[in-house]
Amino acid sequence: MTAQFPDRILRLNTVLDRTGLSRATLYRKVADGTFPRQVRIATRCMGWRESAINDWLKNPMFYSVEDG
């Protein structure tokens, strides 16, 4: 039996630290669809799902956001 852990939301500085990307590069990749999109946490607060960042880290060269 495997335990299901809830997906954490990571803020910008944590994502930048984990990926090694600059802020400008990260937002350019989001716009190009080669990096996971942010999720809204509150009215003026965004973050990224930890699972999406981990998926990107597994294969950043061939990652693409699927429109669904």
N, C-alpha and C. Protein backbone atom coordinates (compact mmCIF):
# COMPACT_ATOMS: atom_id res chain seq x y z
N MET A 1 0.84 -1.17 0.00
CA MET A 1 0.00 0.00 0.00
C MET A 1 0.90 1.24 0.00
N THR A 2 0.63 2.14 -0.94
CA THR A 2 1.42 3.36 -1.02
C THR A 2 0.63 4.53 -0.48
N ALA A 3 1.32 5.41 0.20
CA ALA A 3 0.66 6.59 0.77
C ALA A 3 0.63 7.70 -0.27
N GLN A 4 -0.50 8.37 -0.40
CA GLN A 4 -0.63 9.51 -1.30
C GLN A 4 -0.38 10.78 -0.51
N PHE A 5 0.64 11.51 -0.89
CA PHE A 5 0.93 12.77 -0.24
C PHE A 5 0.32 13.90 -1.07
N PRO A 6 -0.20 14.91 -0.42
CA PRO A 6 -0.77 16.03 -1.17
C PRO A 6 0.34 16.77 -1.93
N ASP A 7 -0.02 17.30 -3.08
CA ASP A 7 0.92 18.05 -3.90
C ASP A 7 1.17 19.41 -3.27
N ARG A 8 2.42 19.72 -3.00
CA ARG A 8 2.76 21.02 -2.40
C ARG A 8 2.81 22.09 -3.48
N ILE A 9 2.58 23.32 -3.06
CA ILE A 9 2.71 24.47 -3.95
C ILE A 9 4.03 25.16 -3.63
N LEU A 10 4.85 25.36 -4.65
CA LEU A 10 6.15 25.99 -4.48
C LEU A 10 6.08 27.43 -4.96
N ARG A 11 6.70 28.33 -4.23
CA ARG A 11 6.74 29.74 -4.60
C ARG A 11 7.93 30.00 -5.53
N LEU A 12 7.97 31.17 -6.12
CA LEU A 12 8.94 31.52 -7.16
C LEU A 12 10.38 31.27 -6.72
N ASN A 13 10.79 31.77 -5.56
CA ASN A 13 12.19 31.61 -5.15
C ASN A 13 12.60 30.15 -4.99
N THR A 14 11.70 29.33 -4.51
CA THR A 14 11.99 27.90 -4.37
C THR A 14 12.14 27.25 -5.74
N VAL A 15 11.27 27.62 -6.68
CA VAL A 15 11.35 27.07 -8.04
C VAL A 15 12.66 27.50 -8.70
N LEU A 16 13.04 28.76 -8.54
CA LEU A 16 14.30 29.24 -9.11
C LEU A 16 15.49 28.50 -8.52
N ASP A 17 15.46 28.25 -7.21
CA ASP A 17 16.55 27.51 -6.56
C ASP A 17 16.63 26.08 -7.07
N ARG A 18 15.49 25.42 -7.20
CA ARG A 18 15.49 24.01 -7.63
C ARG A 18 15.88 23.84 -9.09
N THR A 19 15.49 24.78 -9.94
CA THR A 19 15.73 24.62 -11.38
C THR A 19 17.03 25.24 -11.84
N GLY A 20 17.52 26.25 -11.13
CA GLY A 20 18.72 26.95 -11.57
C GLY A 20 18.45 27.96 -12.68
N LEU A 21 17.19 28.20 -12.99
CA LEU A 21 16.84 29.15 -14.04
C LEU A 21 16.80 30.56 -13.47
N SER A 22 16.98 31.54 -14.35
CA SER A 22 16.76 32.92 -13.94
C SER A 22 15.27 33.21 -14.02
N ARG A 23 14.86 34.27 -13.38
CA ARG A 23 13.44 34.65 -13.37
C ARG A 23 12.93 34.90 -14.80
N ALA A 24 13.72 35.62 -15.60
CA ALA A 24 13.32 35.93 -16.98
C ALA A 24 13.20 34.66 -17.82
N THR A 25 14.16 33.75 -17.68
CA THR A 25 14.13 32.50 -18.44
C THR A 25 12.93 31.66 -18.03
N LEU A 26 12.65 31.59 -16.74
CA LEU A 26 11.51 30.81 -16.26
C LEU A 26 10.20 31.32 -16.89
N TYR A 27 9.98 32.63 -16.83
CA TYR A 27 8.73 33.17 -17.38
C TYR A 27 8.68 33.06 -18.90
N ARG A 28 9.83 33.13 -19.58
CA ARG A 28 9.86 32.92 -21.03
C ARG A 28 9.47 31.48 -21.36
N LYS A 29 9.98 30.52 -20.58
CA LYS A 29 9.63 29.12 -20.80
C LYS A 29 8.15 28.86 -20.52
N VAL A 30 7.58 29.50 -19.51
CA VAL A 30 6.15 29.37 -19.23
C VAL A 30 5.36 29.86 -20.43
N ALA A 31 5.76 31.01 -20.99
CA ALA A 31 5.06 31.58 -22.15
C ALA A 31 5.19 30.69 -23.38
N ASP A 32 6.35 30.03 -23.53
CA ASP A 32 6.58 29.13 -24.68
C ASP A 32 5.91 27.77 -24.51
N GLY A 33 5.47 27.45 -23.30
CA GLY A 33 4.87 26.14 -23.05
C GLY A 33 5.89 25.06 -22.75
N THR A 34 7.12 25.45 -22.42
CA THR A 34 8.16 24.46 -22.11
C THR A 34 8.48 24.41 -20.62
N PHE A 35 7.61 24.98 -19.81
CA PHE A 35 7.74 24.93 -18.36
C PHE A 35 6.32 24.92 -17.79
N PRO A 36 6.11 24.24 -16.66
CA PRO A 36 4.75 24.17 -16.09
C PRO A 36 4.16 25.56 -15.79
N ARG A 37 2.86 25.67 -15.96
CA ARG A 37 2.17 26.92 -15.66
C ARG A 37 1.95 27.06 -14.16
N GLN A 38 1.81 28.31 -13.73
CA GLN A 38 1.52 28.59 -12.33
C GLN A 38 0.07 28.27 -12.01
N VAL A 39 -0.19 28.07 -10.75
CA VAL A 39 -1.57 27.92 -10.26
C VAL A 39 -1.84 29.06 -9.29
N ARG A 40 -3.07 29.55 -9.31
CA ARG A 40 -3.44 30.66 -8.43
C ARG A 40 -3.68 30.13 -7.02
N ILE A 41 -3.01 30.75 -6.05
CA ILE A 41 -3.18 30.38 -4.65
C ILE A 41 -4.19 31.31 -3.99
N ALA A 42 -4.09 32.59 -4.32
CA ALA A 42 -4.98 33.62 -3.79
C ALA A 42 -5.09 34.71 -4.85
N THR A 43 -5.76 35.78 -4.55
CA THR A 43 -5.99 36.84 -5.54
C THR A 43 -4.69 37.33 -6.17
N ARG A 44 -3.69 37.60 -5.37
CA ARG A 44 -2.42 38.11 -5.89
C ARG A 44 -1.26 37.18 -5.60
N CYS A 45 -1.50 35.90 -5.59
CA CYS A 45 -0.49 34.93 -5.18
C CYS A 45 -0.51 33.73 -6.12
N MET A 46 0.65 33.41 -6.71
CA MET A 46 0.76 32.28 -7.63
C MET A 46 1.88 31.35 -7.15
N GLY A 47 1.82 30.12 -7.61
CA GLY A 47 2.85 29.15 -7.29
C GLY A 47 2.83 28.03 -8.31
N TRP A 48 3.70 27.07 -8.14
CA TRP A 48 3.78 25.91 -9.03
C TRP A 48 3.57 24.64 -8.23
N ARG A 49 2.93 23.67 -8.84
CA ARG A 49 2.77 22.36 -8.21
C ARG A 49 4.13 21.66 -8.18
N GLU A 50 4.48 21.11 -7.03
CA GLU A 50 5.76 20.43 -6.88
C GLU A 50 5.89 19.26 -7.85
N SER A 51 4.81 18.54 -8.09
CA SER A 51 4.86 17.40 -9.01
C SER A 51 5.17 17.86 -10.43
N ALA A 52 4.65 19.02 -10.85
CA ALA A 52 4.93 19.54 -12.19
C ALA A 52 6.40 19.94 -12.32
N ILE A 53 6.95 20.54 -11.27
CA ILE A 53 8.37 20.92 -11.29
C ILE A 53 9.24 19.67 -11.33
N ASN A 54 8.87 18.64 -10.56
CA ASN A 54 9.64 17.39 -10.58
C ASN A 54 9.58 16.73 -11.95
N ASP A 55 8.42 16.76 -12.63
CA ASP A 55 8.31 16.22 -13.98
C ASP A 55 9.23 16.98 -14.94
N TRP A 56 9.26 18.31 -14.80
CA TRP A 56 10.13 19.12 -15.66
C TRP A 56 11.60 18.78 -15.41
N LEU A 57 11.97 18.61 -14.14
CA LEU A 57 13.36 18.32 -13.80
C LEU A 57 13.82 16.96 -14.34
N LYS A 58 12.89 16.02 -14.51
CA LYS A 58 13.25 14.70 -15.04
C LYS A 58 13.73 14.80 -16.49
N ASN A 59 13.15 15.71 -17.28
CA ASN A 59 13.51 15.83 -18.68
C ASN A 59 13.21 17.24 -19.19
N PRO A 60 14.01 18.24 -18.80
CA PRO A 60 13.70 19.62 -19.15
C PRO A 60 13.80 19.92 -20.64
N MET A 61 14.62 19.21 -21.39
CA MET A 61 14.79 19.51 -22.82
C MET A 61 13.55 19.16 -23.64
N PHE A 62 12.81 18.15 -23.22
CA PHE A 62 11.68 17.69 -24.02
C PHE A 62 10.34 17.89 -23.32
N TYR A 63 10.31 18.69 -22.25
CA TYR A 63 9.06 18.95 -21.53
C TYR A 63 8.17 19.85 -22.37
N SER A 64 6.89 19.54 -22.38
CA SER A 64 5.93 20.43 -23.03
C SER A 64 4.61 20.35 -22.30
N VAL A 65 3.95 21.51 -22.19
CA VAL A 65 2.67 21.59 -21.50
C VAL A 65 1.59 21.09 -22.46
N GLU A 66 0.82 20.11 -21.99
CA GLU A 66 -0.27 19.61 -22.81
C GLU A 66 -1.51 20.45 -22.57
N ASP A 67 -2.10 20.97 -23.62
CA ASP A 67 -3.35 21.70 -23.49
C ASP A 67 -4.45 20.67 -23.29
N GLY A 68 -5.25 20.91 -22.27
CA GLY A 68 -6.25 19.91 -22.01
C GLY A 68 -7.47 20.53 -21.59
